[in-house]
Amino acid sequence: MVGRADGRSDGDGVGGDGDGDGAGSTHPSAAVDGWLRGFGAAVRGTRVSLGLTLEEAADRCSVHARHLQKIEAGAVSPGVTTLVKIAEGFEVDPSSLPSRRTTARPTATAST
């Protein structure tokens, strides 16, 4: 297990994503990248549907705004601790976050 800066273990055994919880990392594989992008879009969609700015959401979820931005961009793999913080901040079940897919809404429709 990887220890936290305060000497405690976070229990998920992965380290170094920059949010201070000692969990998560970046991943290069295409399958993981695709999942991370989809997950990030789900996090962003949930945040936007709640009417929260990035900074408001970060504060509410107890994570750094820059780290939340990287999660939304699919640039980092959040650890379990971070996933739970985000779910609690958004008041959703943690297991529902990975499946919360959002679809882009068209800004205008064309008549044919």
C-alpha atoms as a PDB file:
ATOM      1  CA  MET A   1       0.000   0.000   0.000  1.00  0.00           C
ATOM      2  CA  VAL A   2       1.089   3.541  -0.663  1.00  0.00           C
ATOM      3  CA  GLY A   3       1.169   5.893   2.283  1.00  0.00           C
ATOM      4  CA  ARG A   4      -0.242   9.352   2.407  1.00  0.00           C
ATOM      5  CA  ALA A   5       1.766  12.454   3.216  1.00  0.00           C
ATOM      6  CA  ASP A   6       0.378  12.308   6.746  1.00  0.00           C
ATOM      7  CA  GLY A   7       1.728   8.764   7.187  1.00  0.00           C
ATOM      8  CA  ARG A   8      -1.642   6.996   6.918  1.00  0.00           C
ATOM      9  CA  SER A   9      -2.538   4.574   4.165  1.00  0.00           C
ATOM     10  CA  ASP A  10      -5.519   5.347   1.964  1.00  0.00           C
ATOM     11  CA  GLY A  11      -6.104   1.657   1.396  1.00  0.00           C
ATOM     12  CA  ASP A  12      -6.385   1.510  -2.391  1.00  0.00           C
ATOM     13  CA  GLY A  13      -2.702   0.773  -3.018  1.00  0.00           C
ATOM     14  CA  VAL A  14      -2.185   3.183  -5.907  1.00  0.00           C
ATOM     15  CA  GLY A  15      -0.305   6.432  -5.587  1.00  0.00           C
ATOM     16  CA  GLY A  16       0.384   9.838  -6.958  1.00  0.00           C
ATOM     17  CA  ASP A  17      -2.492  11.607  -8.702  1.00  0.00           C
ATOM     18  CA  GLY A  18      -1.854  15.011  -7.149  1.00  0.00           C
ATOM     19  CA  ASP A  19      -5.013  15.538  -5.120  1.00  0.00           C
ATOM     20  CA  GLY A  20      -3.350  14.761  -1.827  1.00  0.00           C
ATOM     21  CA  ASP A  21      -5.214  11.538  -1.095  1.00  0.00           C
ATOM     22  CA  GLY A  22      -2.319   9.313  -2.193  1.00  0.00           C
ATOM     23  CA  ALA A  23      -4.397   7.529  -4.811  1.00  0.00           C
ATOM     24  CA  GLY A  24      -4.641   7.334  -8.584  1.00  0.00           C
ATOM     25  CA  SER A  25      -2.240   7.763 -11.459  1.00  0.00           C
ATOM     26  CA  THR A  26      -2.060   8.468 -15.180  1.00  0.00           C
ATOM     27  CA  HIS A  27      -2.555   5.557 -17.617  1.00  0.00           C
ATOM     28  CA  PRO A  28      -1.419   5.308 -21.242  1.00  0.00           C
ATOM     29  CA  SER A  29      -3.508   2.367 -22.551  1.00  0.00           C
ATOM     30  CA  ALA A  30      -6.153   3.147 -25.178  1.00  0.00           C
ATOM     31  CA  ALA A  31      -8.880   1.204 -23.345  1.00  0.00           C
ATOM     32  CA  VAL A  32      -8.158   3.009 -20.093  1.00  0.00           C
ATOM     33  CA  ASP A  33      -7.954   6.353 -21.894  1.00  0.00           C
ATOM     34  CA  GLY A  34     -11.393   5.781 -23.405  1.00  0.00           C
ATOM     35  CA  TRP A  35     -12.884   4.860 -20.041  1.00  0.00           C
ATOM     36  CA  LEU A  36     -11.257   7.872 -18.365  1.00  0.00           C
ATOM     37  CA  ARG A  37     -12.610  10.241 -21.027  1.00  0.00           C
ATOM     38  CA  GLY A  38     -16.110   8.790 -20.607  1.00  0.00           C
ATOM     39  CA  PHE A  39     -15.874   8.943 -16.835  1.00  0.00           C
ATOM     40  CA  GLY A  40     -14.570  12.517 -16.987  1.00  0.00           C
ATOM     41  CA  ALA A  41     -17.469  13.497 -19.234  1.00  0.00           C
ATOM     42  CA  ALA A  42     -19.874  11.917 -16.740  1.00  0.00           C
ATOM     43  CA  VAL A  43     -18.318  13.848 -13.855  1.00  0.00           C
ATOM     44  CA  ARG A  44     -18.448  17.089 -15.835  1.00  0.00           C
ATOM     45  CA  GLY A  45     -22.027  16.439 -16.935  1.00  0.00           C
ATOM     46  CA  THR A  46     -23.088  15.792 -13.361  1.00  0.00           C
ATOM     47  CA  ARG A  47     -21.333  18.956 -12.180  1.00  0.00           C
ATOM     48  CA  VAL A  48     -22.928  21.061 -14.910  1.00  0.00           C
ATOM     49  CA  SER A  49     -26.382  19.569 -14.271  1.00  0.00           C
ATOM     50  CA  LEU A  50     -26.010  20.631 -10.635  1.00  0.00           C
ATOM     51  CA  GLY A  51     -25.206  24.161 -11.782  1.00  0.00           C
ATOM     52  CA  LEU A  52     -21.739  24.143 -10.202  1.00  0.00           C
ATOM     53  CA  THR A  53     -18.611  25.852 -11.442  1.00  0.00           C
ATOM     54  CA  LEU A  54     -15.402  23.848 -11.362  1.00  0.00           C
ATOM     55  CA  GLU A  55     -14.270  25.735  -8.257  1.00  0.00           C
ATOM     56  CA  GLU A  56     -17.607  25.264  -6.477  1.00  0.00           C
ATOM     57  CA  ALA A  57     -17.585  21.550  -7.246  1.00  0.00           C
ATOM     58  CA  ALA A  58     -13.975  21.158  -6.121  1.00  0.00           C
ATOM     59  CA  ASP A  59     -14.790  22.849  -2.837  1.00  0.00           C
ATOM     60  CA  ARG A  60     -17.921  20.765  -2.361  1.00  0.00           C
ATOM     61  CA  CYS A  61     -16.014  17.537  -3.176  1.00  0.00           C
ATOM     62  CA  SER A  62     -12.914  18.428  -1.106  1.00  0.00           C
ATOM     63  CA  VAL A  63     -10.526  18.056  -4.062  1.00  0.00           C
ATOM     64  CA  HIS A  64      -8.324  20.621  -5.779  1.00  0.00           C
ATOM     65  CA  ALA A  65      -9.971  22.390  -8.734  1.00  0.00           C
ATOM     66  CA  ARG A  66      -7.002  21.571 -11.003  1.00  0.00           C
ATOM     67  CA  HIS A  67      -7.285  17.882 -10.116  1.00  0.00           C
ATOM     68  CA  LEU A  68     -11.039  17.865 -10.784  1.00  0.00           C
ATOM     69  CA  GLN A  69     -10.338  19.569 -14.112  1.00  0.00           C
ATOM     70  CA  LYS A  70      -7.869  16.784 -15.008  1.00  0.00           C
ATOM     71  CA  ILE A  71     -10.424  14.129 -14.041  1.00  0.00           C
ATOM     72  CA  GLU A  72     -13.070  15.793 -16.230  1.00  0.00           C
ATOM     73  CA  ALA A  73     -10.570  15.892 -19.104  1.00  0.00           C
ATOM     74  CA  GLY A  74      -9.787  12.192 -18.688  1.00  0.00           C
ATOM     75  CA  ALA A  75      -6.144  13.024 -18.010  1.00  0.00           C
ATOM     76  CA  VAL A  76      -5.847  11.216 -14.653  1.00  0.00           C
ATOM     77  CA  SER A  77      -7.253   8.115 -13.061  1.00  0.00           C
ATOM     78  CA  PRO A  78      -8.809   9.077  -9.743  1.00  0.00           C
ATOM     79  CA  GLY A  79      -8.365   6.785  -6.777  1.00  0.00           C
ATOM     80  CA  VAL A  80     -11.217   5.256  -4.851  1.00  0.00           C
ATOM     81  CA  THR A  81     -10.963   7.915  -2.153  1.00  0.00           C
ATOM     82  CA  THR A  82     -11.357  10.665  -4.761  1.00  0.00           C
ATOM     83  CA  LEU A  83     -14.295   8.868  -6.410  1.00  0.00           C
ATOM     84  CA  VAL A  84     -16.081   8.728  -3.066  1.00  0.00           C
ATOM     85  CA  LYS A  85     -15.323  12.415  -2.369  1.00  0.00           C
ATOM     86  CA  ILE A  86     -16.778  13.400  -5.745  1.00  0.00           C
ATOM     87  CA  ALA A  87     -19.870  11.245  -5.256  1.00  0.00           C
ATOM     88  CA  GLU A  88     -20.461  12.652  -1.787  1.00  0.00           C
ATOM     89  CA  GLY A  89     -19.972  16.208  -3.050  1.00  0.00           C
ATOM     90  CA  PHE A  90     -22.489  15.619  -5.836  1.00  0.00           C
ATOM     91  CA  GLU A  91     -24.804  13.689  -3.498  1.00  0.00           C
ATOM     92  CA  VAL A  92     -24.897  10.604  -5.720  1.00  0.00           C
ATOM     93  CA  ASP A  93     -24.094   6.966  -5.085  1.00  0.00           C
ATOM     94  CA  PRO A  94     -20.382   6.337  -5.824  1.00  0.00           C
ATOM     95  CA  SER A  95     -21.225   3.303  -7.955  1.00  0.00           C
ATOM     96  CA  SER A  96     -23.406   5.453 -10.218  1.00  0.00           C
ATOM     97  CA  LEU A  97     -20.643   7.873 -11.232  1.00  0.00           C
ATOM     98  CA  PRO A  98     -18.915   5.641 -13.804  1.00  0.00           C
ATOM     99  CA  SER A  99     -22.217   4.973 -15.580  1.00  0.00           C
ATOM    100  CA  ARG A 100     -23.447   8.579 -15.679  1.00  0.00           C
ATOM    101  CA  ARG A 101     -22.890   9.175 -19.381  1.00  0.00           C
ATOM    102  CA  THR A 102     -23.918  12.453 -20.877  1.00  0.00           C
ATOM    103  CA  THR A 103     -24.791  13.213 -24.460  1.00  0.00           C
ATOM    104  CA  ALA A 104     -24.159  16.476 -26.217  1.00  0.00           C
ATOM    105  CA  ARG A 105     -27.274  18.413 -27.014  1.00  0.00           C
ATOM    106  CA  PRO A 106     -27.450  20.062 -30.423  1.00  0.00           C
ATOM    107  CA  THR A 107     -27.405  23.826 -30.229  1.00  0.00           C
ATOM    108  CA  ALA A 108     -29.595  24.262 -33.284  1.00  0.00           C
ATOM    109  CA  THR A 109     -31.718  22.001 -35.440  1.00  0.00           C
ATOM    110  CA  ALA A 110     -32.011  22.267 -39.157  1.00  0.00           C
ATOM    111  CA  SER A 111     -35.294  21.766 -40.964  1.00  0.00           C
ATOM    112  CA  THR A 112     -35.213  19.683 -44.100  1.00  0.00           C
END
